[in-house]
Amino acid sequence: IELAQVNCSVSRRGVLRGVHFADVPPGQAKYVTCVAGEVL
């Protein structure tokens, strides 16, 4: 996969983000990790 952008989101407890998706093509594949705290 080509990497075009890195996003960083900081949220407080109870913040719900999404459900997000992009038009296909080209779409947007994502590789997601939580570097501080915990998310579902």
PDB file of all heavy atoms in Angstrom:
ATOM      1  N   ILE A   1       0.858  -1.176   0.000  1.00  0.00           N
ATOM      2  CA  ILE A   1       0.000   0.000   0.000  1.00  0.00           C
ATOM      3  C   ILE A   1       0.896   1.229   0.000  1.00  0.00           C
ATOM      4  O   ILE A   1       1.964   1.228   0.604  1.00  0.00           O
ATOM      5  CB  ILE A   1      -0.988   0.045   1.191  1.00  0.00           C
ATOM      6  CG1 ILE A   1      -0.252   0.165   2.525  1.00  0.00           C
ATOM      7  CG2 ILE A   1      -1.913  -1.142   1.184  1.00  0.00           C
ATOM      8  CD1 ILE A   1      -1.160   0.568   3.671  1.00  0.00           C
ATOM      9  N   GLU A   2       0.437   2.227  -0.705  1.00  0.00           N
ATOM     10  CA  GLU A   2       1.152   3.503  -0.702  1.00  0.00           C
ATOM     11  C   GLU A   2       0.669   4.305   0.497  1.00  0.00           C
ATOM     12  O   GLU A   2      -0.524   4.306   0.808  1.00  0.00           O
ATOM     13  CB  GLU A   2       0.847   4.264  -1.988  1.00  0.00           C
ATOM     14  CG  GLU A   2       1.575   5.581  -2.086  1.00  0.00           C
ATOM     15  CD  GLU A   2       1.311   6.285  -3.404  1.00  0.00           C
ATOM     16  OE1 GLU A   2       1.130   5.606  -4.423  1.00  0.00           O
ATOM     17  OE2 GLU A   2       1.279   7.526  -3.394  1.00  0.00           O
ATOM     18  N   LEU A   3       1.569   4.953   1.189  1.00  0.00           N
ATOM     19  CA  LEU A   3       1.189   5.803   2.315  1.00  0.00           C
ATOM     20  C   LEU A   3       1.251   7.255   1.869  1.00  0.00           C
ATOM     21  O   LEU A   3       2.270   7.733   1.405  1.00  0.00           O
ATOM     22  CB  LEU A   3       2.104   5.563   3.507  1.00  0.00           C
ATOM     23  CG  LEU A   3       2.040   4.148   4.079  1.00  0.00           C
ATOM     24  CD1 LEU A   3       3.004   3.993   5.246  1.00  0.00           C
ATOM     25  CD2 LEU A   3       0.632   3.795   4.503  1.00  0.00           C
ATOM     26  N   ALA A   4       0.115   7.948   2.011  1.00  0.00           N
ATOM     27  CA  ALA A   4       0.010   9.323   1.531  1.00  0.00           C
ATOM     28  C   ALA A   4      -0.162  10.328   2.657  1.00  0.00           C
ATOM     29  O   ALA A   4       0.069  11.513   2.460  1.00  0.00           O
ATOM     30  CB  ALA A   4      -1.161   9.447   0.567  1.00  0.00           C
ATOM     31  N   GLN A   5      -0.591   9.864   3.844  1.00  0.00           N
ATOM     32  CA  GLN A   5      -0.907  10.802   4.921  1.00  0.00           C
ATOM     33  C   GLN A   5      -0.885  10.054   6.249  1.00  0.00           C
ATOM     34  O   GLN A   5      -1.248   8.893   6.316  1.00  0.00           O
ATOM     35  CB  GLN A   5      -2.295  11.388   4.661  1.00  0.00           C
ATOM     36  CG  GLN A   5      -2.745  12.431   5.647  1.00  0.00           C
ATOM     37  CD  GLN A   5      -4.032  13.101   5.175  1.00  0.00           C
ATOM     38  OE1 GLN A   5      -4.164  13.483   4.022  1.00  0.00           O
ATOM     39  NE2 GLN A   5      -4.989  13.233   6.068  1.00  0.00           N
ATOM     40  N   VAL A   6      -0.465  10.754   7.306  1.00  0.00           N
ATOM     41  CA  VAL A   6      -0.547  10.226   8.669  1.00  0.00           C
ATOM     42  C   VAL A   6      -1.434  11.168   9.466  1.00  0.00           C
ATOM     43  O   VAL A   6      -1.196  12.377   9.500  1.00  0.00           O
ATOM     44  CB  VAL A   6       0.846  10.120   9.338  1.00  0.00           C
ATOM     45  CG1 VAL A   6       0.719   9.638  10.775  1.00  0.00           C
ATOM     46  CG2 VAL A   6       1.763   9.198   8.541  1.00  0.00           C
ATOM     47  N   ASN A   7      -2.472  10.620  10.089  1.00  0.00           N
ATOM     48  CA  ASN A   7      -3.391  11.405  10.910  1.00  0.00           C
ATOM     49  C   ASN A   7      -3.160  11.083  12.383  1.00  0.00           C
ATOM     50  O   ASN A   7      -2.835   9.943  12.724  1.00  0.00           O
ATOM     51  CB  ASN A   7      -4.848  11.082  10.564  1.00  0.00           C
ATOM     52  CG  ASN A   7      -5.202  11.434   9.140  1.00  0.00           C
ATOM     53  OD1 ASN A   7      -4.599  12.317   8.542  1.00  0.00           O
ATOM     54  ND2 ASN A   7      -6.163  10.746   8.590  1.00  0.00           N
ATOM     55  N   CYS A   8      -3.386  12.069  13.233  1.00  0.00           N
ATOM     56  CA  CYS A   8      -3.294  11.891  14.676  1.00  0.00           C
ATOM     57  C   CYS A   8      -4.525  12.540  15.292  1.00  0.00           C
ATOM     58  O   CYS A   8      -4.790  13.721  15.069  1.00  0.00           O
ATOM     59  CB  CYS A   8      -2.023  12.523  15.218  1.00  0.00           C
ATOM     60  SG  CYS A   8      -1.838  12.351  17.004  1.00  0.00           S
ATOM     61  N   SER A   9      -5.273  11.754  16.059  1.00  0.00           N
ATOM     62  CA  SER A   9      -6.504  12.229  16.677  1.00  0.00           C
ATOM     63  C   SER A   9      -6.380  12.077  18.189  1.00  0.00           C
ATOM     64  O   SER A   9      -6.050  11.001  18.676  1.00  0.00           O
ATOM     65  CB  SER A   9      -7.673  11.390  16.160  1.00  0.00           C
ATOM     66  OG  SER A   9      -8.832  11.651  16.896  1.00  0.00           O
ATOM     67  N   VAL A  10      -6.640  13.142  18.926  1.00  0.00           N
ATOM     68  CA  VAL A  10      -6.634  13.096  20.386  1.00  0.00           C
ATOM     69  C   VAL A  10      -8.072  13.336  20.849  1.00  0.00           C
ATOM     70  O   VAL A  10      -8.676  14.344  20.489  1.00  0.00           O
ATOM     71  CB  VAL A  10      -5.676  14.151  20.985  1.00  0.00           C
ATOM     72  CG1 VAL A  10      -5.674  14.069  22.504  1.00  0.00           C
ATOM     73  CG2 VAL A  10      -4.269  13.977  20.426  1.00  0.00           C
ATOM     74  N   SER A  11      -8.600  12.395  21.619  1.00  0.00           N
ATOM     75  CA  SER A  11     -10.001  12.453  22.045  1.00  0.00           C
ATOM     76  C   SER A  11     -10.104  12.233  23.543  1.00  0.00           C
ATOM     77  O   SER A  11      -9.302  11.510  24.126  1.00  0.00           O
ATOM     78  CB  SER A  11     -10.809  11.355  21.341  1.00  0.00           C
ATOM     79  OG  SER A  11     -10.701  11.459  19.949  1.00  0.00           O
ATOM     80  N   ARG A  12     -11.142  12.819  24.131  1.00  0.00           N
ATOM     81  CA  ARG A  12     -11.389  12.577  25.547  1.00  0.00           C
ATOM     82  C   ARG A  12     -12.413  11.452  25.684  1.00  0.00           C
ATOM     83  O   ARG A  12     -13.084  11.092  24.713  1.00  0.00           O
ATOM     84  CB  ARG A  12     -11.849  13.847  26.249  1.00  0.00           C
ATOM     85  CG  ARG A  12     -13.120  14.456  25.734  1.00  0.00           C
ATOM     86  CD  ARG A  12     -13.452  15.759  26.479  1.00  0.00           C
ATOM     87  NE  ARG A  12     -14.573  16.442  25.899  1.00  0.00           N
ATOM     88  CZ  ARG A  12     -15.843  16.182  26.178  1.00  0.00           C
ATOM     89  NH1 ARG A  12     -16.149  15.243  27.043  1.00  0.00           N
ATOM     90  NH2 ARG A  12     -16.805  16.854  25.604  1.00  0.00           N
ATOM     91  N   ARG A  13     -12.537  10.891  26.885  1.00  0.00           N
ATOM     92  CA  ARG A  13     -13.459   9.782  27.125  1.00  0.00           C
ATOM     93  C   ARG A  13     -14.855  10.127  26.603  1.00  0.00           C
ATOM     94  O   ARG A  13     -15.350  11.240  26.781  1.00  0.00           O
ATOM     95  CB  ARG A  13     -13.560   9.469  28.611  1.00  0.00           C
ATOM     96  CG  ARG A  13     -14.449   8.255  28.909  1.00  0.00           C
ATOM     97  CD  ARG A  13     -14.691   8.000  30.397  1.00  0.00           C
ATOM     98  NE  ARG A  13     -13.568   8.244  31.270  1.00  0.00           N
ATOM     99  CZ  ARG A  13     -12.572   7.375  31.528  1.00  0.00           C
ATOM    100  NH1 ARG A  13     -12.583   6.199  30.954  1.00  0.00           N
ATOM    101  NH2 ARG A  13     -11.606   7.699  32.350  1.00  0.00           N
ATOM    102  N   GLY A  14     -15.451   9.164  25.926  1.00  0.00           N
ATOM    103  CA  GLY A  14     -16.807   9.334  25.418  1.00  0.00           C
ATOM    104  C   GLY A  14     -16.906   9.920  24.029  1.00  0.00           C
ATOM    105  O   GLY A  14     -18.003   9.995  23.474  1.00  0.00           O
ATOM    106  N   VAL A  15     -15.792  10.343  23.444  1.00  0.00           N
ATOM    107  CA  VAL A  15     -15.818  10.858  22.077  1.00  0.00           C
ATOM    108  C   VAL A  15     -15.940   9.668  21.125  1.00  0.00           C
ATOM    109  O   VAL A  15     -15.196   8.690  21.233  1.00  0.00           O
ATOM    110  CB  VAL A  15     -14.560  11.692  21.757  1.00  0.00           C
ATOM    111  CG1 VAL A  15     -14.453  11.975  20.256  1.00  0.00           C
ATOM    112  CG2 VAL A  15     -14.578  12.988  22.544  1.00  0.00           C
ATOM    113  N   LEU A  16     -16.896   9.765  20.219  1.00  0.00           N
ATOM    114  CA  LEU A  16     -17.164   8.722  19.236  1.00  0.00           C
ATOM    115  C   LEU A  16     -16.948   9.324  17.856  1.00  0.00           C
ATOM    116  O   LEU A  16     -17.610  10.304  17.489  1.00  0.00           O
ATOM    117  CB  LEU A  16     -18.608   8.224  19.408  1.00  0.00           C
ATOM    118  CG  LEU A  16     -19.134   7.170  18.452  1.00  0.00           C
ATOM    119  CD1 LEU A  16     -18.219   5.955  18.381  1.00  0.00           C
ATOM    120  CD2 LEU A  16     -20.542   6.762  18.883  1.00  0.00           C
ATOM    121  N   ARG A  17     -15.996   8.776  17.113  1.00  0.00           N
ATOM    122  CA  ARG A  17     -15.653   9.295  15.783  1.00  0.00           C
ATOM    123  C   ARG A  17     -15.990   8.245  14.727  1.00  0.00           C
ATOM    124  O   ARG A  17     -15.598   7.103  14.847  1.00  0.00           O
ATOM    125  CB  ARG A  17     -14.168   9.642  15.711  1.00  0.00           C
ATOM    126  CG  ARG A  17     -13.770  10.767  16.659  1.00  0.00           C
ATOM    127  CD  ARG A  17     -12.280  11.073  16.528  1.00  0.00           C
ATOM    128  NE  ARG A  17     -11.824  12.021  17.517  1.00  0.00           N
ATOM    129  CZ  ARG A  17     -11.690  13.328  17.300  1.00  0.00           C
ATOM    130  NH1 ARG A  17     -11.988  13.843  16.135  1.00  0.00           N
ATOM    131  NH2 ARG A  17     -11.255  14.108  18.274  1.00  0.00           N
ATOM    132  N   GLY A  18     -16.714   8.667  13.692  1.00  0.00           N
ATOM    133  CA  GLY A  18     -17.052   7.759  12.600  1.00  0.00           C
ATOM    134  C   GLY A  18     -18.521   7.401  12.645  1.00  0.00           C
ATOM    135  O   GLY A  18     -19.264   7.932  13.468  1.00  0.00           O
ATOM    136  N   VAL A  19     -18.903   6.583  11.779  1.00  0.00           N
ATOM    137  CA  VAL A  19     -18.290   5.617  10.882  1.00  0.00           C
ATOM    138  C   VAL A  19     -17.940   6.344   9.574  1.00  0.00           C
ATOM    139  O   VAL A  19     -18.824   6.835   8.878  1.00  0.00           O
ATOM    140  CB  VAL A  19     -19.264   4.456  10.586  1.00  0.00           C
ATOM    141  CG1 VAL A  19     -18.706   3.491   9.557  1.00  0.00           C
ATOM    142  CG2 VAL A  19     -19.707   3.754  11.863  1.00  0.00           C
ATOM    143  N   HIS A  20     -16.649   6.394   9.232  1.00  0.00           N
ATOM    144  CA  HIS A  20     -16.176   7.128   8.063  1.00  0.00           C
ATOM    145  C   HIS A  20     -15.683   6.171   6.989  1.00  0.00           C
ATOM    146  O   HIS A  20     -15.119   5.126   7.293  1.00  0.00           O
ATOM    147  CB  HIS A  20     -15.027   8.065   8.455  1.00  0.00           C
ATOM    148  CG  HIS A  20     -15.421   9.074   9.477  1.00  0.00           C
ATOM    149  ND1 HIS A  20     -14.547   9.541  10.429  1.00  0.00           N
ATOM    150  CD2 HIS A  20     -16.598   9.710   9.716  1.00  0.00           C
ATOM    151  CE1 HIS A  20     -15.171  10.425  11.204  1.00  0.00           C
ATOM    152  NE2 HIS A  20     -16.405  10.537  10.788  1.00  0.00           N
ATOM    153  N   PHE A  21     -15.880   6.569   5.729  1.00  0.00           N
ATOM    154  CA  PHE A  21     -15.360   5.825   4.578  1.00  0.00           C
ATOM    155  C   PHE A  21     -15.213   6.806   3.424  1.00  0.00           C
ATOM    156  O   PHE A  21     -15.802   7.891   3.442  1.00  0.00           O
ATOM    157  CB  PHE A  21     -16.275   4.652   4.195  1.00  0.00           C
ATOM    158  CG  PHE A  21     -17.637   5.057   3.743  1.00  0.00           C
ATOM    159  CD1 PHE A  21     -17.932   5.206   2.392  1.00  0.00           C
ATOM    160  CD2 PHE A  21     -18.641   5.312   4.668  1.00  0.00           C
ATOM    161  CE1 PHE A  21     -19.195   5.605   1.981  1.00  0.00           C
ATOM    162  CE2 PHE A  21     -19.918   5.705   4.264  1.00  0.00           C
ATOM    163  CZ  PHE A  21     -20.192   5.857   2.917  1.00  0.00           C
ATOM    164  N   ALA A  22     -14.412   6.422   2.432  1.00  0.00           N
ATOM    165  CA  ALA A  22     -14.168   7.288   1.271  1.00  0.00           C
ATOM    166  C   ALA A  22     -14.664   6.611   0.002  1.00  0.00           C
ATOM    167  O   ALA A  22     -14.766   5.383  -0.065  1.00  0.00           O
ATOM    168  CB  ALA A  22     -12.672   7.591   1.148  1.00  0.00           C
ATOM    169  N   ASP A  23     -14.976   7.441  -1.006  1.00  0.00           N
ATOM    170  CA  ASP A  23     -15.393   6.917  -2.310  1.00  0.00           C
ATOM    171  C   ASP A  23     -14.344   5.954  -2.843  1.00  0.00           C
ATOM    172  O   ASP A  23     -13.131   6.171  -2.696  1.00  0.00           O
ATOM    173  CB  ASP A  23     -15.544   8.060  -3.322  1.00  0.00           C
ATOM    174  CG  ASP A  23     -16.779   8.903  -3.088  1.00  0.00           C
ATOM    175  OD1 ASP A  23     -17.721   8.422  -2.427  1.00  0.00           O
ATOM    176  OD2 ASP A  23     -16.801  10.051  -3.577  1.00  0.00           O
ATOM    177  N   VAL A  24     -14.825   4.892  -3.496  1.00  0.00           N
ATOM    178  CA  VAL A  24     -13.962   3.927  -4.167  1.00  0.00           C
ATOM    179  C   VAL A  24     -14.336   3.928  -5.641  1.00  0.00           C
ATOM    180  O   VAL A  24     -15.517   3.775  -5.956  1.00  0.00           O
ATOM    181  CB  VAL A  24     -14.153   2.514  -3.565  1.00  0.00           C
ATOM    182  CG1 VAL A  24     -13.308   1.491  -4.315  1.00  0.00           C
ATOM    183  CG2 VAL A  24     -13.825   2.502  -2.082  1.00  0.00           C
ATOM    184  N   PRO A  25     -13.383   4.060  -6.582  1.00  0.00           N
ATOM    185  CA  PRO A  25     -11.985   4.349  -6.330  1.00  0.00           C
ATOM    186  C   PRO A  25     -11.763   5.811  -5.983  1.00  0.00           C
ATOM    187  O   PRO A  25     -12.650   6.604  -6.238  1.00  0.00           O
ATOM    188  CB  PRO A  25     -11.309   3.980  -7.657  1.00  0.00           C
ATOM    189  CG  PRO A  25     -12.351   4.207  -8.707  1.00  0.00           C
ATOM    190  CD  PRO A  25     -13.678   3.952  -8.020  1.00  0.00           C
ATOM    191  N   PRO A  26     -10.635   6.197  -5.443  1.00  0.00           N
ATOM    192  CA  PRO A  26      -9.545   5.315  -5.066  1.00  0.00           C
ATOM    193  C   PRO A  26      -9.726   4.697  -3.687  1.00  0.00           C
ATOM    194  O   PRO A  26      -9.008   3.772  -3.343  1.00  0.00           O
ATOM    195  CB  PRO A  26      -8.324   6.237  -5.093  1.00  0.00           C
ATOM    196  CG  PRO A  26      -8.872   7.568  -4.679  1.00  0.00           C
ATOM    197  CD  PRO A  26     -10.273   7.608  -5.251  1.00  0.00           C
ATOM    198  N   GLY A  27     -10.653   5.223  -2.888  1.00  0.00           N
ATOM    199  CA  GLY A  27     -10.796   4.719  -1.528  1.00  0.00           C
ATOM    200  C   GLY A  27      -9.680   5.212  -0.637  1.00  0.00           C
ATOM    201  O   GLY A  27      -8.843   6.015  -1.053  1.00  0.00           O
ATOM    202  N   GLN A  28      -9.694   4.752   0.586  1.00  0.00           N
ATOM    203  CA  GLN A  28      -8.633   5.111   1.522  1.00  0.00           C
ATOM    204  C   GLN A  28      -8.439   3.959   2.502  1.00  0.00           C
ATOM    205  O   GLN A  28      -9.265   3.730   3.379  1.00  0.00           O
ATOM    206  CB  GLN A  28      -8.977   6.393   2.286  1.00  0.00           C
ATOM    207  CG  GLN A  28      -7.830   6.886   3.154  1.00  0.00           C
ATOM    208  CD  GLN A  28      -8.195   8.126   3.936  1.00  0.00           C
ATOM    209  OE1 GLN A  28      -9.070   8.094   4.788  1.00  0.00           O
ATOM    210  NE2 GLN A  28      -7.495   9.223   3.661  1.00  0.00           N
ATOM    211  N   ALA A  29      -7.366   3.199   2.313  1.00  0.00           N
ATOM    212  CA  ALA A  29      -7.004   2.156   3.267  1.00  0.00           C
ATOM    213  C   ALA A  29      -6.393   2.835   4.486  1.00  0.00           C
ATOM    214  O   ALA A  29      -5.775   3.909   4.366  1.00  0.00           O
ATOM    215  CB  ALA A  29      -6.011   1.179   2.652  1.00  0.00           C
ATOM    216  N   LYS A  30      -6.593   2.225   5.671  1.00  0.00           N
ATOM    217  CA  LYS A  30      -6.065   2.805   6.906  1.00  0.00           C
ATOM    218  C   LYS A  30      -5.385   1.735   7.741  1.00  0.00           C
ATOM    219  O   LYS A  30      -5.827   0.589   7.782  1.00  0.00           O
ATOM    220  CB  LYS A  30      -7.194   3.427   7.735  1.00  0.00           C
ATOM    221  CG  LYS A  30      -7.888   4.588   7.069  1.00  0.00           C
ATOM    222  CD  LYS A  30      -9.065   5.076   7.873  1.00  0.00           C
ATOM    223  CE  LYS A  30      -9.767   6.221   7.149  1.00  0.00           C
ATOM    224  NZ  LYS A  30     -11.024   6.586   7.810  1.00  0.00           N
ATOM    225  N   TYR A  31      -4.318   2.141   8.409  1.00  0.00           N
ATOM    226  CA  TYR A  31      -3.605   1.306   9.367  1.00  0.00           C
ATOM    227  C   TYR A  31      -3.624   2.094  10.670  1.00  0.00           C
ATOM    228  O   TYR A  31      -3.023   3.161  10.763  1.00  0.00           O
ATOM    229  CB  TYR A  31      -2.178   1.057   8.880  1.00  0.00           C
ATOM    230  CG  TYR A  31      -1.390   0.116   9.739  1.00  0.00           C
ATOM    231  CD1 TYR A  31      -1.444  -1.261   9.520  1.00  0.00           C
ATOM    232  CD2 TYR A  31      -0.577   0.583  10.760  1.00  0.00           C
ATOM    233  CE1 TYR A  31      -0.705  -2.138  10.300  1.00  0.00           C
ATOM    234  CE2 TYR A  31       0.158  -0.281  11.545  1.00  0.00           C
ATOM    235  CZ  TYR A  31       0.092  -1.638  11.310  1.00  0.00           C
ATOM    236  OH  TYR A  31       0.835  -2.498  12.087  1.00  0.00           O
ATOM    237  N   VAL A  32      -4.364   1.608  11.671  1.00  0.00           N
ATOM    238  CA  VAL A  32      -4.726   2.396  12.847  1.00  0.00           C
ATOM    239  C   VAL A  32      -4.131   1.788  14.116  1.00  0.00           C
ATOM    240  O   VAL A  32      -4.225   0.582  14.331  1.00  0.00           O
ATOM    241  CB  VAL A  32      -6.267   2.454  12.996  1.00  0.00           C
ATOM    242  CG1 VAL A  32      -6.676   3.325  14.166  1.00  0.00           C
ATOM    243  CG2 VAL A  32      -6.920   2.928  11.703  1.00  0.00           C
ATOM    244  N   THR A  33      -3.572   2.645  14.973  1.00  0.00           N
ATOM    245  CA  THR A  33      -3.097   2.199  16.279  1.00  0.00           C
ATOM    246  C   THR A  33      -3.359   3.293  17.314  1.00  0.00           C
ATOM    247  O   THR A  33      -3.473   4.468  16.971  1.00  0.00           O
ATOM    248  CB  THR A  33      -1.595   1.813  16.240  1.00  0.00           C
ATOM    249  OG1 THR A  33      -1.237   1.159  17.442  1.00  0.00           O
ATOM    250  CG2 THR A  33      -0.707   3.018  16.008  1.00  0.00           C
ATOM    251  N   CYS A  34      -3.484   2.884  18.554  1.00  0.00           N
ATOM    252  CA  CYS A  34      -3.692   3.826  19.657  1.00  0.00           C
ATOM    253  C   CYS A  34      -2.370   3.944  20.412  1.00  0.00           C
ATOM    254  O   CYS A  34      -1.929   2.980  21.041  1.00  0.00           O
ATOM    255  CB  CYS A  34      -4.813   3.320  20.572  1.00  0.00           C
ATOM    256  SG  CYS A  34      -5.190   4.435  21.944  1.00  0.00           S
ATOM    257  N   VAL A  35      -1.739   5.104  20.359  1.00  0.00           N
ATOM    258  CA  VAL A  35      -0.417   5.279  20.971  1.00  0.00           C
ATOM    259  C   VAL A  35      -0.489   5.730  22.424  1.00  0.00           C
ATOM    260  O   VAL A  35       0.498   5.635  23.151  1.00  0.00           O
ATOM    261  CB  VAL A  35       0.473   6.232  20.138  1.00  0.00           C
ATOM    262  CG1 VAL A  35       0.745   5.636  18.754  1.00  0.00           C
ATOM    263  CG2 VAL A  35      -0.135   7.613  20.032  1.00  0.00           C
ATOM    264  N   ALA A  36      -1.650   6.219  22.863  1.00  0.00           N
ATOM    265  CA  ALA A  36      -1.831   6.608  24.272  1.00  0.00           C
ATOM    266  C   ALA A  36      -3.304   6.424  24.626  1.00  0.00           C
ATOM    267  O   ALA A  36      -4.188   6.860  23.891  1.00  0.00           O
ATOM    268  CB  ALA A  36      -1.414   8.062  24.498  1.00  0.00           C
ATOM    269  N   GLY A  37      -3.541   5.752  25.744  1.00  0.00           N
ATOM    270  CA  GLY A  37      -4.914   5.519  26.176  1.00  0.00           C
ATOM    271  C   GLY A  37      -5.501   4.264  25.571  1.00  0.00           C
ATOM    272  O   GLY A  37      -4.781   3.329  25.189  1.00  0.00           O
ATOM    273  N   GLU A  38      -6.845   4.258  25.447  1.00  0.00           N
ATOM    274  CA  GLU A  38      -7.545   3.074  24.944  1.00  0.00           C
ATOM    275  C   GLU A  38      -8.783   3.493  24.164  1.00  0.00           C
ATOM    276  O   GLU A  38      -9.507   4.404  24.572  1.00  0.00           O
ATOM    277  CB  GLU A  38      -7.964   2.184  26.113  1.00  0.00           C
ATOM    278  CG  GLU A  38      -8.696   0.931  25.706  1.00  0.00           C
ATOM    279  CD  GLU A  38      -9.115   0.067  26.886  1.00  0.00           C
ATOM    280  OE1 GLU A  38      -9.201   0.586  28.021  1.00  0.00           O
ATOM    281  OE2 GLU A  38      -9.369  -1.123  26.668  1.00  0.00           O
ATOM    282  N   VAL A  39      -9.018   2.799  23.048  1.00  0.00           N
ATOM    283  CA  VAL A  39     -10.222   3.013  22.244  1.00  0.00           C
ATOM    284  C   VAL A  39     -10.837   1.667  21.885  1.00  0.00           C
ATOM    285  O   VAL A  39     -10.150   0.639  21.857  1.00  0.00           O
ATOM    286  CB  VAL A  39      -9.942   3.803  20.940  1.00  0.00           C
ATOM    287  CG1 VAL A  39      -9.380   5.184  21.233  1.00  0.00           C
ATOM    288  CG2 VAL A  39      -9.047   3.038  19.983  1.00  0.00           C
ATOM    289  N   LEU A  40     -12.133   1.703  21.622  1.00  0.00           N
ATOM    290  CA  LEU A  40     -12.791   0.581  20.971  1.00  0.00           C
ATOM    291  C   LEU A  40     -12.840   0.953  19.504  1.00  0.00           C
ATOM    292  O   LEU A  40     -13.508   1.928  19.124  1.00  0.00           O
ATOM    293  CB  LEU A  40     -14.199   0.349  21.522  1.00  0.00           C
ATOM    294  CG  LEU A  40     -14.902  -0.869  20.917  1.00  0.00           C
ATOM    295  CD1 LEU A  40     -14.229  -2.163  21.401  1.00  0.00           C
ATOM    296  CD2 LEU A  40     -16.370  -0.877  21.268  1.00  0.00           C
TER     297      LEU A  40
END
